[in-house]
Amino acid sequence: MSACTTCGACCACFRVDFSAHEGEDMGGPVPAGLAVEVNQSTLRMRGTDHSPPRCAALTGQIGHKALCGIYEWRPSPCREFEEGSEACARARQRHGLPALDGAI
């Protein structure tokens, strides 16, 4: 299992907005109970607009056995987030975790 599927730092660092078409109510994979409407065309993962942010789909402890409860159904921003990217390094740093080997 990669660090990306056990770390969870990004899930507790960034706001996650995505197309309403990715929501369950519009035929998409993201469960309706985990998304809130921002406007007619945009949804947001529940919990990611809190301070500090923490996605409602995240289970476990950041950096240690953290898992996405909807990994197979996660929205596009989560699918596109790159393990080892600069944003990944920032998220890990915010949670006191070292950057991954090969991070930008």
PDB file of N, CA and C in Angstrom:
ATOM      1  N   MET A   1       0.846  -1.177   0.000  1.00  0.00           N
ATOM      2  CA  MET A   1       0.000   0.000   0.000  1.00  0.00           C
ATOM      3  C   MET A   1       0.892   1.240   0.000  1.00  0.00           C
ATOM      4  N   SER A   2       0.590   2.200  -0.839  1.00  0.00           N
ATOM      5  CA  SER A   2       1.416   3.402  -0.928  1.00  0.00           C
ATOM      6  C   SER A   2       1.137   4.341   0.240  1.00  0.00           C
ATOM      7  N   ALA A   3       2.067   5.253   0.455  1.00  0.00           N
ATOM      8  CA  ALA A   3       1.885   6.259   1.503  1.00  0.00           C
ATOM      9  C   ALA A   3       0.623   7.070   1.230  1.00  0.00           C
ATOM     10  N   CYS A   4       0.270   7.212  -0.032  1.00  0.00           N
ATOM     11  CA  CYS A   4      -0.886   8.016  -0.410  1.00  0.00           C
ATOM     12  C   CYS A   4      -2.188   7.430   0.121  1.00  0.00           C
ATOM     13  N   THR A   5      -2.245   6.140   0.323  1.00  0.00           N
ATOM     14  CA  THR A   5      -3.485   5.544   0.808  1.00  0.00           C
ATOM     15  C   THR A   5      -3.457   5.286   2.315  1.00  0.00           C
ATOM     16  N   THR A   6      -2.426   5.753   3.008  1.00  0.00           N
ATOM     17  CA  THR A   6      -2.368   5.579   4.459  1.00  0.00           C
ATOM     18  C   THR A   6      -2.063   6.874   5.208  1.00  0.00           C
ATOM     19  N   CYS A   7      -1.643   7.924   4.530  1.00  0.00           N
ATOM     20  CA  CYS A   7      -1.200   9.172   5.155  1.00  0.00           C
ATOM     21  C   CYS A   7      -2.364  10.032   5.644  1.00  0.00           C
ATOM     22  N   GLY A   8      -3.225  10.466   4.730  1.00  0.00           N
ATOM     23  CA  GLY A   8      -4.376  11.278   5.071  1.00  0.00           C
ATOM     24  C   GLY A   8      -4.125  12.757   5.260  1.00  0.00           C
ATOM     25  N   ALA A   9      -2.885  13.215   5.136  1.00  0.00           N
ATOM     26  CA  ALA A   9      -2.593  14.633   5.374  1.00  0.00           C
ATOM     27  C   ALA A   9      -3.366  15.550   4.430  1.00  0.00           C
ATOM     28  N   CYS A  10      -3.464  15.177   3.163  1.00  0.00           N
ATOM     29  CA  CYS A  10      -4.173  16.031   2.210  1.00  0.00           C
ATOM     30  C   CYS A  10      -5.664  16.107   2.537  1.00  0.00           C
ATOM     31  N   CYS A  11      -6.200  15.048   3.125  1.00  0.00           N
ATOM     32  CA  CYS A  11      -7.622  14.995   3.480  1.00  0.00           C
ATOM     33  C   CYS A  11      -7.949  15.897   4.671  1.00  0.00           C
ATOM     34  N   ALA A  12      -6.916  16.364   5.337  1.00  0.00           N
ATOM     35  CA  ALA A  12      -7.097  17.237   6.491  1.00  0.00           C
ATOM     36  C   ALA A  12      -6.299  18.521   6.300  1.00  0.00           C
ATOM     37  N   CYS A  13      -6.283  19.000   5.047  1.00  0.00           N
ATOM     38  CA  CYS A  13      -5.489  20.187   4.757  1.00  0.00           C
ATOM     39  C   CYS A  13      -6.152  21.124   3.744  1.00  0.00           C
ATOM     40  N   PHE A  14      -6.911  20.582   2.819  1.00  0.00           N
ATOM     41  CA  PHE A  14      -7.421  21.373   1.708  1.00  0.00           C
ATOM     42  C   PHE A  14      -8.942  21.299   1.592  1.00  0.00           C
ATOM     43  N   ARG A  15      -9.533  22.359   1.072  1.00  0.00           N
ATOM     44  CA  ARG A  15     -10.948  22.367   0.705  1.00  0.00           C
ATOM     45  C   ARG A  15     -11.087  21.541  -0.567  1.00  0.00           C
ATOM     46  N   VAL A  16     -12.129  20.717  -0.643  1.00  0.00           N
ATOM     47  CA  VAL A  16     -12.316  19.861  -1.808  1.00  0.00           C
ATOM     48  C   VAL A  16     -13.646  20.184  -2.481  1.00  0.00           C
ATOM     49  N   ASP A  17     -13.573  20.969  -3.554  1.00  0.00           N
ATOM     50  CA  ASP A  17     -14.737  21.315  -4.360  1.00  0.00           C
ATOM     51  C   ASP A  17     -14.695  20.513  -5.654  1.00  0.00           C
ATOM     52  N   PHE A  18     -15.871  20.124  -6.133  1.00  0.00           N
ATOM     53  CA  PHE A  18     -15.933  19.320  -7.359  1.00  0.00           C
ATOM     54  C   PHE A  18     -17.287  19.524  -8.033  1.00  0.00           C
ATOM     55  N   SER A  19     -17.387  19.061  -9.268  1.00  0.00           N
ATOM     56  CA  SER A  19     -18.602  19.218 -10.059  1.00  0.00           C
ATOM     57  C   SER A  19     -19.776  18.493  -9.418  1.00  0.00           C
ATOM     58  N   ALA A  20     -20.930  19.130  -9.436  1.00  0.00           N
ATOM     59  CA  ALA A  20     -22.144  18.518  -8.904  1.00  0.00           C
ATOM     60  C   ALA A  20     -22.460  17.210  -9.634  1.00  0.00           C
ATOM     61  N   HIS A  21     -21.971  17.066 -10.855  1.00  0.00           N
ATOM     62  CA  HIS A  21     -22.206  15.848 -11.633  1.00  0.00           C
ATOM     63  C   HIS A  21     -21.497  14.631 -11.034  1.00  0.00           C
ATOM     64  N   GLU A  22     -20.535  14.871 -10.141  1.00  0.00           N
ATOM     65  CA  GLU A  22     -19.852  13.765  -9.480  1.00  0.00           C
ATOM     66  C   GLU A  22     -20.621  13.279  -8.248  1.00  0.00           C
ATOM     67  N   GLY A  23     -21.641  14.014  -7.860  1.00  0.00           N
ATOM     68  CA  GLY A  23     -22.445  13.645  -6.700  1.00  0.00           C
ATOM     69  C   GLY A  23     -23.439  12.538  -7.019  1.00  0.00           C
ATOM     70  N   GLU A  24     -23.723  11.750  -6.041  1.00  0.00           N
ATOM     71  CA  GLU A  24     -24.640  10.622  -6.173  1.00  0.00           C
ATOM     72  C   GLU A  24     -26.003  11.048  -6.727  1.00  0.00           C
ATOM     73  N   ASP A  25     -26.479  12.219  -6.313  1.00  0.00           N
ATOM     74  CA  ASP A  25     -27.788  12.691  -6.766  1.00  0.00           C
ATOM     75  C   ASP A  25     -27.840  12.966  -8.267  1.00  0.00           C
ATOM     76  N   MET A  26     -26.679  13.153  -8.879  1.00  0.00           N
ATOM     77  CA  MET A  26     -26.604  13.416 -10.326  1.00  0.00           C
ATOM     78  C   MET A  26     -26.056  12.195 -11.072  1.00  0.00           C
ATOM     79  N   GLY A  27     -25.975  11.061 -10.402  1.00  0.00           N
ATOM     80  CA  GLY A  27     -25.501   9.847 -11.045  1.00  0.00           C
ATOM     81  C   GLY A  27     -24.015   9.585 -10.884  1.00  0.00           C
ATOM     82  N   GLY A  28     -23.324  10.423 -10.101  1.00  0.00           N
ATOM     83  CA  GLY A  28     -21.894  10.256  -9.879  1.00  0.00           C
ATOM     84  C   GLY A  28     -21.610   9.333  -8.703  1.00  0.00           C
ATOM     85  N   PRO A  29     -20.336   9.114  -8.424  1.00  0.00           N
ATOM     86  CA  PRO A  29     -19.950   8.159  -7.385  1.00  0.00           C
ATOM     87  C   PRO A  29     -19.891   8.690  -5.950  1.00  0.00           C
ATOM     88  N   VAL A  30     -19.829  10.006  -5.759  1.00  0.00           N
ATOM     89  CA  VAL A  30     -19.631  10.556  -4.409  1.00  0.00           C
ATOM     90  C   VAL A  30     -20.941  10.495  -3.613  1.00  0.00           C
ATOM     91  N   PRO A  31     -20.942   9.786  -2.477  1.00  0.00           N
ATOM     92  CA  PRO A  31     -22.162   9.659  -1.673  1.00  0.00           C
ATOM     93  C   PRO A  31     -22.736  11.018  -1.252  1.00  0.00           C
ATOM     94  N   ALA A  32     -24.042  11.156  -1.412  1.00  0.00           N
ATOM     95  CA  ALA A  32     -24.722  12.426  -1.123  1.00  0.00           C
ATOM     96  C   ALA A  32     -24.506  12.893   0.314  1.00  0.00           C
ATOM     97  N   GLY A  33     -24.448  12.010   1.255  1.00  0.00           N
ATOM     98  CA  GLY A  33     -24.293  12.380   2.650  1.00  0.00           C
ATOM     99  C   GLY A  33     -22.932  12.952   2.998  1.00  0.00           C
ATOM    100  N   LEU A  34     -21.963  12.821   2.092  1.00  0.00           N
ATOM    101  CA  LEU A  34     -20.621  13.332   2.354  1.00  0.00           C
ATOM    102  C   LEU A  34     -20.313  14.612   1.587  1.00  0.00           C
ATOM    103  N   ALA A  35     -21.291  15.118   0.850  1.00  0.00           N
ATOM    104  CA  ALA A  35     -21.080  16.329   0.070  1.00  0.00           C
ATOM    105  C   ALA A  35     -22.103  17.386   0.448  1.00  0.00           C
ATOM    106  N   VAL A  36     -21.676  18.644   0.419  1.00  0.00           N
ATOM    107  CA  VAL A  36     -22.585  19.763   0.645  1.00  0.00           C
ATOM    108  C   VAL A  36     -22.591  20.627  -0.613  1.00  0.00           C
ATOM    109  N   GLU A  37     -23.734  21.226  -0.881  1.00  0.00           N
ATOM    110  CA  GLU A  37     -23.858  22.060  -2.073  1.00  0.00           C
ATOM    111  C   GLU A  37     -23.224  23.424  -1.837  1.00  0.00           C
ATOM    112  N   VAL A  38     -22.362  23.820  -2.766  1.00  0.00           N
ATOM    113  CA  VAL A  38     -21.769  25.154  -2.737  1.00  0.00           C
ATOM    114  C   VAL A  38     -22.645  26.072  -3.583  1.00  0.00           C
ATOM    115  N   ASN A  39     -22.988  25.603  -4.776  1.00  0.00           N
ATOM    116  CA  ASN A  39     -23.927  26.277  -5.668  1.00  0.00           C
ATOM    117  C   ASN A  39     -24.499  25.206  -6.603  1.00  0.00           C
ATOM    118  N   GLN A  40     -25.258  25.587  -7.598  1.00  0.00           N
ATOM    119  CA  GLN A  40     -25.920  24.603  -8.462  1.00  0.00           C
ATOM    120  C   GLN A  40     -24.945  23.697  -9.203  1.00  0.00           C
ATOM    121  N   SER A  41     -23.739  24.152  -9.430  1.00  0.00           N
ATOM    122  CA  SER A  41     -22.796  23.352 -10.213  1.00  0.00           C
ATOM    123  C   SER A  41     -21.639  22.773  -9.407  1.00  0.00           C
ATOM    124  N   THR A  42     -21.546  23.123  -8.122  1.00  0.00           N
ATOM    125  CA  THR A  42     -20.393  22.712  -7.320  1.00  0.00           C
ATOM    126  C   THR A  42     -20.807  22.115  -5.988  1.00  0.00           C
ATOM    127  N   LEU A  43     -20.144  21.018  -5.638  1.00  0.00           N
ATOM    128  CA  LEU A  43     -20.298  20.390  -4.329  1.00  0.00           C
ATOM    129  C   LEU A  43     -18.967  20.469  -3.603  1.00  0.00           C
ATOM    130  N   ARG A  44     -18.997  20.263  -2.286  1.00  0.00           N
ATOM    131  CA  ARG A  44     -17.781  20.287  -1.471  1.00  0.00           C
ATOM    132  C   ARG A  44     -17.832  19.089  -0.524  1.00  0.00           C
ATOM    133  N   MET A  45     -16.699  18.441  -0.356  1.00  0.00           N
ATOM    134  CA  MET A  45     -16.640  17.339   0.600  1.00  0.00           C
ATOM    135  C   MET A  45     -16.906  17.893   1.993  1.00  0.00           C
ATOM    136  N   ARG A  46     -17.832  17.263   2.678  1.00  0.00           N
ATOM    137  CA  ARG A  46     -18.216  17.680   4.031  1.00  0.00           C
ATOM    138  C   ARG A  46     -16.986  17.667   4.943  1.00  0.00           C
ATOM    139  N   GLY A  47     -16.808  18.732   5.688  1.00  0.00           N
ATOM    140  CA  GLY A  47     -15.698  18.844   6.631  1.00  0.00           C
ATOM    141  C   GLY A  47     -14.475  19.560   6.093  1.00  0.00           C
ATOM    142  N   THR A  48     -14.374  19.718   4.762  1.00  0.00           N
ATOM    143  CA  THR A  48     -13.160  20.332   4.218  1.00  0.00           C
ATOM    144  C   THR A  48     -13.183  21.849   4.269  1.00  0.00           C
ATOM    145  N   ASP A  49     -14.329  22.430   4.642  1.00  0.00           N
ATOM    146  CA  ASP A  49     -14.357  23.892   4.799  1.00  0.00           C
ATOM    147  C   ASP A  49     -14.317  24.296   6.270  1.00  0.00           C
ATOM    148  N   HIS A  50     -14.084  23.349   7.150  1.00  0.00           N
ATOM    149  CA  HIS A  50     -13.921  23.653   8.576  1.00  0.00           C
ATOM    150  C   HIS A  50     -12.499  24.137   8.844  1.00  0.00           C
ATOM    151  N   SER A  51     -12.285  24.652  10.041  1.00  0.00           N
ATOM    152  CA  SER A  51     -10.940  25.080  10.423  1.00  0.00           C
ATOM    153  C   SER A  51     -10.572  24.410  11.738  1.00  0.00           C
ATOM    154  N   PRO A  52      -9.672  23.474  11.761  1.00  0.00           N
ATOM    155  CA  PRO A  52      -8.924  22.967  10.613  1.00  0.00           C
ATOM    156  C   PRO A  52      -9.794  22.025   9.776  1.00  0.00           C
ATOM    157  N   PRO A  53      -9.471  21.926   8.478  1.00  0.00           N
ATOM    158  CA  PRO A  53     -10.249  21.033   7.613  1.00  0.00           C
ATOM    159  C   PRO A  53      -9.970  19.564   7.918  1.00  0.00           C
ATOM    160  N   ARG A  54     -10.987  18.753   7.743  1.00  0.00           N
ATOM    161  CA  ARG A  54     -10.823  17.297   7.816  1.00  0.00           C
ATOM    162  C   ARG A  54     -12.017  16.690   7.086  1.00  0.00           C
ATOM    163  N   CYS A  55     -11.739  16.001   5.997  1.00  0.00           N
ATOM    164  CA  CYS A  55     -12.787  15.406   5.191  1.00  0.00           C
ATOM    165  C   CYS A  55     -13.571  14.395   6.025  1.00  0.00           C
ATOM    166  N   ALA A  56     -14.886  14.431   5.893  1.00  0.00           N
ATOM    167  CA  ALA A  56     -15.748  13.522   6.637  1.00  0.00           C
ATOM    168  C   ALA A  56     -15.541  12.067   6.222  1.00  0.00           C
ATOM    169  N   ALA A  57     -14.958  11.818   5.064  1.00  0.00           N
ATOM    170  CA  ALA A  57     -14.721  10.449   4.596  1.00  0.00           C
ATOM    171  C   ALA A  57     -13.430   9.858   5.172  1.00  0.00           C
ATOM    172  N   LEU A  58     -12.613  10.691   5.813  1.00  0.00           N
ATOM    173  CA  LEU A  58     -11.336  10.226   6.354  1.00  0.00           C
ATOM    174  C   LEU A  58     -11.540   9.518   7.691  1.00  0.00           C
ATOM    175  N   THR A  59     -10.927   8.352   7.802  1.00  0.00           N
ATOM    176  CA  THR A  59     -10.959   7.623   9.066  1.00  0.00           C
ATOM    177  C   THR A  59      -9.532   7.416   9.554  1.00  0.00           C
ATOM    178  N   GLY A  60      -9.368   7.242  10.836  1.00  0.00           N
ATOM    179  CA  GLY A  60      -8.049   6.973  11.396  1.00  0.00           C
ATOM    180  C   GLY A  60      -7.291   8.228  11.760  1.00  0.00           C
ATOM    181  N   GLN A  61      -6.026   8.043  12.068  1.00  0.00           N
ATOM    182  CA  GLN A  61      -5.140   9.115  12.519  1.00  0.00           C
ATOM    183  C   GLN A  61      -4.216   9.532  11.374  1.00  0.00           C
ATOM    184  N   ILE A  62      -4.075  10.854  11.172  1.00  0.00           N
ATOM    185  CA  ILE A  62      -3.205  11.379  10.117  1.00  0.00           C
ATOM    186  C   ILE A  62      -1.800  10.797  10.281  1.00  0.00           C
ATOM    187  N   GLY A  63      -1.263  10.274   9.181  1.00  0.00           N
ATOM    188  CA  GLY A  63       0.088   9.738   9.180  1.00  0.00           C
ATOM    189  C   GLY A  63       0.217   8.330   9.720  1.00  0.00           C
ATOM    190  N   HIS A  64      -0.888   7.789  10.237  1.00  0.00           N
ATOM    191  CA  HIS A  64      -0.839   6.453  10.827  1.00  0.00           C
ATOM    192  C   HIS A  64      -2.200   5.774  10.644  1.00  0.00           C
ATOM    193  N   LYS A  65      -2.280   4.901   9.687  1.00  0.00           N
ATOM    194  CA  LYS A  65      -3.520   4.157   9.429  1.00  0.00           C
ATOM    195  C   LYS A  65      -4.698   5.065   9.075  1.00  0.00           C
ATOM    196  N   ALA A  66      -4.445   6.135   8.358  1.00  0.00           N
ATOM    197  CA  ALA A  66      -5.519   7.001   7.880  1.00  0.00           C
ATOM    198  C   ALA A  66      -6.012   6.446   6.543  1.00  0.00           C
ATOM    199  N   LEU A  67      -7.314   6.336   6.412  1.00  0.00           N
ATOM    200  CA  LEU A  67      -7.891   5.773   5.200  1.00  0.00           C
ATOM    201  C   LEU A  67      -9.072   6.602   4.726  1.00  0.00           C
ATOM    202  N   CYS A  68      -9.249   6.644   3.417  1.00  0.00           N
ATOM    203  CA  CYS A  68     -10.423   7.278   2.829  1.00  0.00           C
ATOM    204  C   CYS A  68     -11.538   6.246   2.808  1.00  0.00           C
ATOM    205  N   GLY A  69     -12.643   6.569   3.438  1.00  0.00           N
ATOM    206  CA  GLY A  69     -13.777   5.661   3.493  1.00  0.00           C
ATOM    207  C   GLY A  69     -14.491   5.493   2.168  1.00  0.00           C
ATOM    208  N   ILE A  70     -14.208   6.387   1.203  1.00  0.00           N
ATOM    209  CA  ILE A  70     -14.843   6.290  -0.121  1.00  0.00           C
ATOM    210  C   ILE A  70     -13.781   6.300  -1.222  1.00  0.00           C
ATOM    211  N   TYR A  71     -12.634   5.720  -0.956  1.00  0.00           N
ATOM    212  CA  TYR A  71     -11.505   5.797  -1.892  1.00  0.00           C
ATOM    213  C   TYR A  71     -11.924   5.483  -3.333  1.00  0.00           C
ATOM    214  N   GLU A  72     -12.703   4.436  -3.546  1.00  0.00           N
ATOM    215  CA  GLU A  72     -13.116   4.065  -4.905  1.00  0.00           C
ATOM    216  C   GLU A  72     -14.104   5.065  -5.495  1.00  0.00           C
ATOM    217  N   TRP A  73     -14.774   5.849  -4.650  1.00  0.00           N
ATOM    218  CA  TRP A  73     -15.802   6.776  -5.108  1.00  0.00           C
ATOM    219  C   TRP A  73     -15.424   8.236  -4.871  1.00  0.00           C
ATOM    220  N   ARG A  74     -14.161   8.497  -4.544  1.00  0.00           N
ATOM    221  CA  ARG A  74     -13.722   9.860  -4.225  1.00  0.00           C
ATOM    222  C   ARG A  74     -13.858  10.772  -5.451  1.00  0.00           C
ATOM    223  N   PRO A  75     -14.017  12.082  -5.221  1.00  0.00           N
ATOM    224  CA  PRO A  75     -14.187  13.023  -6.326  1.00  0.00           C
ATOM    225  C   PRO A  75     -12.877  13.285  -7.078  1.00  0.00           C
ATOM    226  N   SER A  76     -12.997  13.932  -8.223  1.00  0.00           N
ATOM    227  CA  SER A  76     -11.848  14.164  -9.109  1.00  0.00           C
ATOM    228  C   SER A  76     -10.679  14.905  -8.456  1.00  0.00           C
ATOM    229  N   PRO A  77     -10.888  15.939  -7.612  1.00  0.00           N
ATOM    230  CA  PRO A  77      -9.704  16.582  -7.020  1.00  0.00           C
ATOM    231  C   PRO A  77      -8.868  15.596  -6.202  1.00  0.00           C
ATOM    232  N   CYS A  78      -9.531  14.655  -5.558  1.00  0.00           N
ATOM    233  CA  CYS A  78      -8.813  13.653  -4.768  1.00  0.00           C
ATOM    234  C   CYS A  78      -8.104  12.653  -5.682  1.00  0.00           C
ATOM    235  N   ARG A  79      -8.746  12.289  -6.777  1.00  0.00           N
ATOM    236  CA  ARG A  79      -8.137  11.362  -7.741  1.00  0.00           C
ATOM    237  C   ARG A  79      -6.923  11.994  -8.414  1.00  0.00           C
ATOM    238  N   GLU A  80      -6.979  13.303  -8.619  1.00  0.00           N
ATOM    239  CA  GLU A  80      -5.910  14.007  -9.344  1.00  0.00           C
ATOM    240  C   GLU A  80      -4.763  14.446  -8.443  1.00  0.00           C
ATOM    241  N   PHE A  81      -4.958  14.407  -7.133  1.00  0.00           N
ATOM    242  CA  PHE A  81      -3.916  14.826  -6.196  1.00  0.00           C
ATOM    243  C   PHE A  81      -2.737  13.875  -6.314  1.00  0.00           C
ATOM    244  N   GLU A  82      -1.527  14.408  -6.471  1.00  0.00           N
ATOM    245  CA  GLU A  82      -0.357  13.571  -6.719  1.00  0.00           C
ATOM    246  C   GLU A  82       0.483  13.330  -5.474  1.00  0.00           C
ATOM    247  N   GLU A  83       0.682  12.053  -5.176  1.00  0.00           N
ATOM    248  CA  GLU A  83       1.563  11.647  -4.094  1.00  0.00           C
ATOM    249  C   GLU A  83       2.966  12.170  -4.382  1.00  0.00           C
ATOM    250  N   GLY A  84       3.575  12.823  -3.409  1.00  0.00           N
ATOM    251  CA  GLY A  84       4.925  13.348  -3.570  1.00  0.00           C
ATOM    252  C   GLY A  84       4.996  14.720  -4.227  1.00  0.00           C
ATOM    253  N   SER A  85       3.844  15.304  -4.584  1.00  0.00           N
ATOM    254  CA  SER A  85       3.825  16.629  -5.208  1.00  0.00           C
ATOM    255  C   SER A  85       4.148  17.704  -4.172  1.00  0.00           C
ATOM    256  N   GLU A  86       4.298  18.934  -4.639  1.00  0.00           N
ATOM    257  CA  GLU A  86       4.545  20.057  -3.729  1.00  0.00           C
ATOM    258  C   GLU A  86       3.384  20.225  -2.746  1.00  0.00           C
ATOM    259  N   ALA A  87       2.153  20.064  -3.237  1.00  0.00           N
ATOM    260  CA  ALA A  87       0.982  20.175  -2.370  1.00  0.00           C
ATOM    261  C   ALA A  87       0.977  19.050  -1.325  1.00  0.00           C
ATOM    262  N   CYS A  88       1.401  17.875  -1.721  1.00  0.00           N
ATOM    263  CA  CYS A  88       1.518  16.744  -0.797  1.00  0.00           C
ATOM    264  C   CYS A  88       2.536  17.073   0.294  1.00  0.00           C
ATOM    265  N   ALA A  89       3.664  17.602  -0.095  1.00  0.00           N
ATOM    266  CA  ALA A  89       4.711  17.955   0.872  1.00  0.00           C
ATOM    267  C   ALA A  89       4.211  19.016   1.856  1.00  0.00           C
ATOM    268  N   ARG A  90       3.456  20.017   1.348  1.00  0.00           N
ATOM    269  CA  ARG A  90       2.889  21.058   2.218  1.00  0.00           C
ATOM    270  C   ARG A  90       1.908  20.456   3.220  1.00  0.00           C
ATOM    271  N   ALA A  91       1.054  19.572   2.734  1.00  0.00           N
ATOM    272  CA  ALA A  91       0.067  18.941   3.615  1.00  0.00           C
ATOM    273  C   ALA A  91       0.761  18.116   4.691  1.00  0.00           C
ATOM    274  N   ARG A  92       1.751  17.346   4.279  1.00  0.00           N
ATOM    275  CA  ARG A  92       2.480  16.518   5.243  1.00  0.00           C
ATOM    276  C   ARG A  92       3.205  17.396   6.268  1.00  0.00           C
ATOM    277  N   GLN A  93       3.801  18.500   5.800  1.00  0.00           N
ATOM    278  CA  GLN A  93       4.515  19.411   6.698  1.00  0.00           C
ATOM    279  C   GLN A  93       3.552  20.004   7.729  1.00  0.00           C
ATOM    280  N   ARG A  94       2.354  20.378   7.311  1.00  0.00           N
ATOM    281  CA  ARG A  94       1.362  20.949   8.229  1.00  0.00           C
ATOM    282  C   ARG A  94       0.989  19.989   9.346  1.00  0.00           C
ATOM    283  N   HIS A  95       1.172  18.706   9.086  1.00  0.00           N
ATOM    284  CA  HIS A  95       0.840  17.691  10.091  1.00  0.00           C
ATOM    285  C   HIS A  95       2.082  17.095  10.747  1.00  0.00           C
ATOM    286  N   GLY A  96       3.231  17.753  10.523  1.00  0.00           N
ATOM    287  CA  GLY A  96       4.459  17.327  11.163  1.00  0.00           C
ATOM    288  C   GLY A  96       5.055  16.047  10.592  1.00  0.00           C
ATOM    289  N   LEU A  97       4.696  15.746   9.349  1.00  0.00           N
ATOM    290  CA  LEU A  97       5.226  14.546   8.688  1.00  0.00           C
ATOM    291  C   LEU A  97       6.307  14.938   7.698  1.00  0.00           C
ATOM    292  N   PRO A  98       7.312  14.102   7.517  1.00  0.00           N
ATOM    293  CA  PRO A  98       8.365  14.414   6.540  1.00  0.00           C
ATOM    294  C   PRO A  98       7.849  14.275   5.111  1.00  0.00           C
ATOM    295  N   ALA A  99       8.457  15.016   4.200  1.00  0.00           N
ATOM    296  CA  ALA A  99       8.107  14.876   2.785  1.00  0.00           C
ATOM    297  C   ALA A  99       8.458  13.458   2.345  1.00  0.00           C
ATOM    298  N   LEU A 100       7.735  12.968   1.351  1.00  0.00           N
ATOM    299  CA  LEU A 100       8.014  11.640   0.818  1.00  0.00           C
ATOM    300  C   LEU A 100       9.277  11.673  -0.018  1.00  0.00           C
ATOM    301  N   ASP A 101       9.989  10.574  -0.102  1.00  0.00           N
ATOM    302  CA  ASP A 101      11.168  10.494  -0.967  1.00  0.00           C
ATOM    303  C   ASP A 101      10.748  10.830  -2.386  1.00  0.00           C
ATOM    304  N   GLY A 102      11.535  11.654  -3.030  1.00  0.00           N
ATOM    305  CA  GLY A 102      11.240  12.043  -4.405  1.00  0.00           C
ATOM    306  C   GLY A 102      10.252  13.177  -4.507  1.00  0.00           C
ATOM    307  N   ALA A 103       9.863  13.761  -3.371  1.00  0.00           N
ATOM    308  CA  ALA A 103       8.920  14.881  -3.403  1.00  0.00           C
ATOM    309  C   ALA A 103       9.583  16.080  -4.057  1.00  0.00           C
ATOM    310  N   ILE A 104       8.761  16.861  -4.701  1.00  0.00           N
ATOM    311  CA  ILE A 104       9.239  18.050  -5.409  1.00  0.00           C
ATOM    312  C   ILE A 104       9.692  19.102  -4.423  1.00  0.00           C
TER     313      ILE A 104
END
